[in-house]
Amino acid sequence: MVWASDERVCIPVDHRVIEVPKDRERQIYVWNQGYGTDEVRSLLAENGFSKVEHFADVAGKTYREDSKVIAAIAGR
């Protein structure tokens, strides 16, 4: 869904809205990437994080293999 007012064009992107003035041209690139727990742990380890805990939501629900969300807390 894209909508426009008199001054702006608004484009929702992955649960966000980007507002662009109508008189300005913009190119917007969006890459969505899904990760599993092993990939998250590996990416964090590559950047110096060794202590990683996974949860099923940001409130700390226990992560299971069938969880649709991965929330991670990482420490060095």
C-alpha atoms as a PDB file:
ATOM      1  CA  MET A   1       0.000   0.000   0.000  1.00  0.00           C
ATOM      2  CA  VAL A   2       1.338   3.410  -0.984  1.00  0.00           C
ATOM      3  CA  TRP A   3      -0.447   6.645  -0.164  1.00  0.00           C
ATOM      4  CA  ALA A   4       0.221  10.257  -0.953  1.00  0.00           C
ATOM      5  CA  SER A   5      -0.686  13.584   0.572  1.00  0.00           C
ATOM      6  CA  ASP A   6      -0.228  16.952  -1.132  1.00  0.00           C
ATOM      7  CA  GLU A   7       3.400  17.074   0.015  1.00  0.00           C
ATOM      8  CA  ARG A   8       4.631  13.533   0.581  1.00  0.00           C
ATOM      9  CA  VAL A   9       4.523   9.997  -0.751  1.00  0.00           C
ATOM     10  CA  CYS A  10       4.461   7.390   2.017  1.00  0.00           C
ATOM     11  CA  ILE A  11       5.584   3.812   1.505  1.00  0.00           C
ATOM     12  CA  PRO A  12       5.215   1.231   4.291  1.00  0.00           C
ATOM     13  CA  VAL A  13       8.310  -0.988   4.379  1.00  0.00           C
ATOM     14  CA  ASP A  14       8.543  -4.006   6.666  1.00  0.00           C
ATOM     15  CA  HIS A  15       6.369  -2.493   9.432  1.00  0.00           C
ATOM     16  CA  ARG A  16       7.845   0.980   8.954  1.00  0.00           C
ATOM     17  CA  VAL A  17       6.683   3.949   6.961  1.00  0.00           C
ATOM     18  CA  ILE A  18       9.160   5.947   4.905  1.00  0.00           C
ATOM     19  CA  GLU A  19       7.991   9.446   4.047  1.00  0.00           C
ATOM     20  CA  VAL A  20       9.563  11.036   0.986  1.00  0.00           C
ATOM     21  CA  PRO A  21       8.876  14.641  -0.062  1.00  0.00           C
ATOM     22  CA  LYS A  22       7.141  14.596  -3.442  1.00  0.00           C
ATOM     23  CA  ASP A  23       9.734  16.890  -5.005  1.00  0.00           C
ATOM     24  CA  ARG A  24      12.635  14.539  -4.109  1.00  0.00           C
ATOM     25  CA  GLU A  25      13.468  11.273  -5.831  1.00  0.00           C
ATOM     26  CA  ARG A  26      14.598   8.376  -3.656  1.00  0.00           C
ATOM     27  CA  GLN A  27      15.534   4.777  -4.316  1.00  0.00           C
ATOM     28  CA  ILE A  28      14.760   2.486  -1.413  1.00  0.00           C
ATOM     29  CA  TYR A  29      16.267  -0.988  -1.229  1.00  0.00           C
ATOM     30  CA  VAL A  30      14.911  -3.477   1.299  1.00  0.00           C
ATOM     31  CA  TRP A  31      16.538  -6.823   1.943  1.00  0.00           C
ATOM     32  CA  ASN A  32      14.739  -9.178   4.285  1.00  0.00           C
ATOM     33  CA  GLN A  33      16.799 -12.013   5.651  1.00  0.00           C
ATOM     34  CA  GLY A  34      15.655 -14.780   7.963  1.00  0.00           C
ATOM     35  CA  TYR A  35      18.098 -16.353  10.411  1.00  0.00           C
ATOM     36  CA  GLY A  36      18.085 -19.486  12.543  1.00  0.00           C
ATOM     37  CA  THR A  37      19.608 -19.691  16.006  1.00  0.00           C
ATOM     38  CA  ASP A  38      22.872 -21.187  14.687  1.00  0.00           C
ATOM     39  CA  GLU A  39      23.250 -18.336  12.179  1.00  0.00           C
ATOM     40  CA  VAL A  40      22.492 -15.705  14.839  1.00  0.00           C
ATOM     41  CA  ARG A  41      25.037 -17.273  17.204  1.00  0.00           C
ATOM     42  CA  SER A  42      27.647 -17.437  14.409  1.00  0.00           C
ATOM     43  CA  LEU A  43      27.117 -13.807  13.318  1.00  0.00           C
ATOM     44  CA  LEU A  44      27.360 -12.625  16.912  1.00  0.00           C
ATOM     45  CA  ALA A  45      30.516 -14.719  17.506  1.00  0.00           C
ATOM     46  CA  GLU A  46      32.131 -13.163  14.410  1.00  0.00           C
ATOM     47  CA  ASN A  47      31.605  -9.791  16.072  1.00  0.00           C
ATOM     48  CA  GLY A  48      33.038 -10.681  19.467  1.00  0.00           C
ATOM     49  CA  PHE A  49      29.959 -11.926  21.337  1.00  0.00           C
ATOM     50  CA  SER A  50      30.358 -15.271  23.096  1.00  0.00           C
ATOM     51  CA  LYS A  51      27.446 -15.392  25.556  1.00  0.00           C
ATOM     52  CA  VAL A  52      24.204 -15.799  23.587  1.00  0.00           C
ATOM     53  CA  GLU A  53      20.755 -16.687  24.861  1.00  0.00           C
ATOM     54  CA  HIS A  54      17.736 -17.201  22.585  1.00  0.00           C
ATOM     55  CA  PHE A  55      14.098 -16.550  23.444  1.00  0.00           C
ATOM     56  CA  ALA A  56      10.782 -16.881  21.595  1.00  0.00           C
ATOM     57  CA  ASP A  57       9.900 -13.210  22.113  1.00  0.00           C
ATOM     58  CA  VAL A  58      11.337 -10.030  23.601  1.00  0.00           C
ATOM     59  CA  ALA A  59       9.594 -10.756  26.931  1.00  0.00           C
ATOM     60  CA  GLY A  60      11.807 -13.819  27.506  1.00  0.00           C
ATOM     61  CA  LYS A  61       9.457 -16.675  26.553  1.00  0.00           C
ATOM     62  CA  THR A  62      11.338 -19.973  26.241  1.00  0.00           C
ATOM     63  CA  TYR A  63      12.605 -20.584  22.707  1.00  0.00           C
ATOM     64  CA  ARG A  64      11.494 -23.794  20.973  1.00  0.00           C
ATOM     65  CA  GLU A  65      12.357 -25.127  17.523  1.00  0.00           C
ATOM     66  CA  ASP A  66       8.856 -24.231  16.278  1.00  0.00           C
ATOM     67  CA  SER A  67       8.994 -20.617  17.592  1.00  0.00           C
ATOM     68  CA  LYS A  68       8.227 -18.054  14.903  1.00  0.00           C
ATOM     69  CA  VAL A  69      10.421 -15.350  16.502  1.00  0.00           C
ATOM     70  CA  ILE A  70      14.002 -15.428  17.720  1.00  0.00           C
ATOM     71  CA  ALA A  71      15.026 -12.858  20.283  1.00  0.00           C
ATOM     72  CA  ALA A  72      18.668 -12.927  21.350  1.00  0.00           C
ATOM     73  CA  ILE A  73      20.605 -11.449  24.245  1.00  0.00           C
ATOM     74  CA  ALA A  74      24.353 -11.426  23.716  1.00  0.00           C
ATOM     75  CA  GLY A  75      27.326 -10.489  25.852  1.00  0.00           C
ATOM     76  CA  ARG A  76      31.077 -10.338  25.446  1.00  0.00           C
END
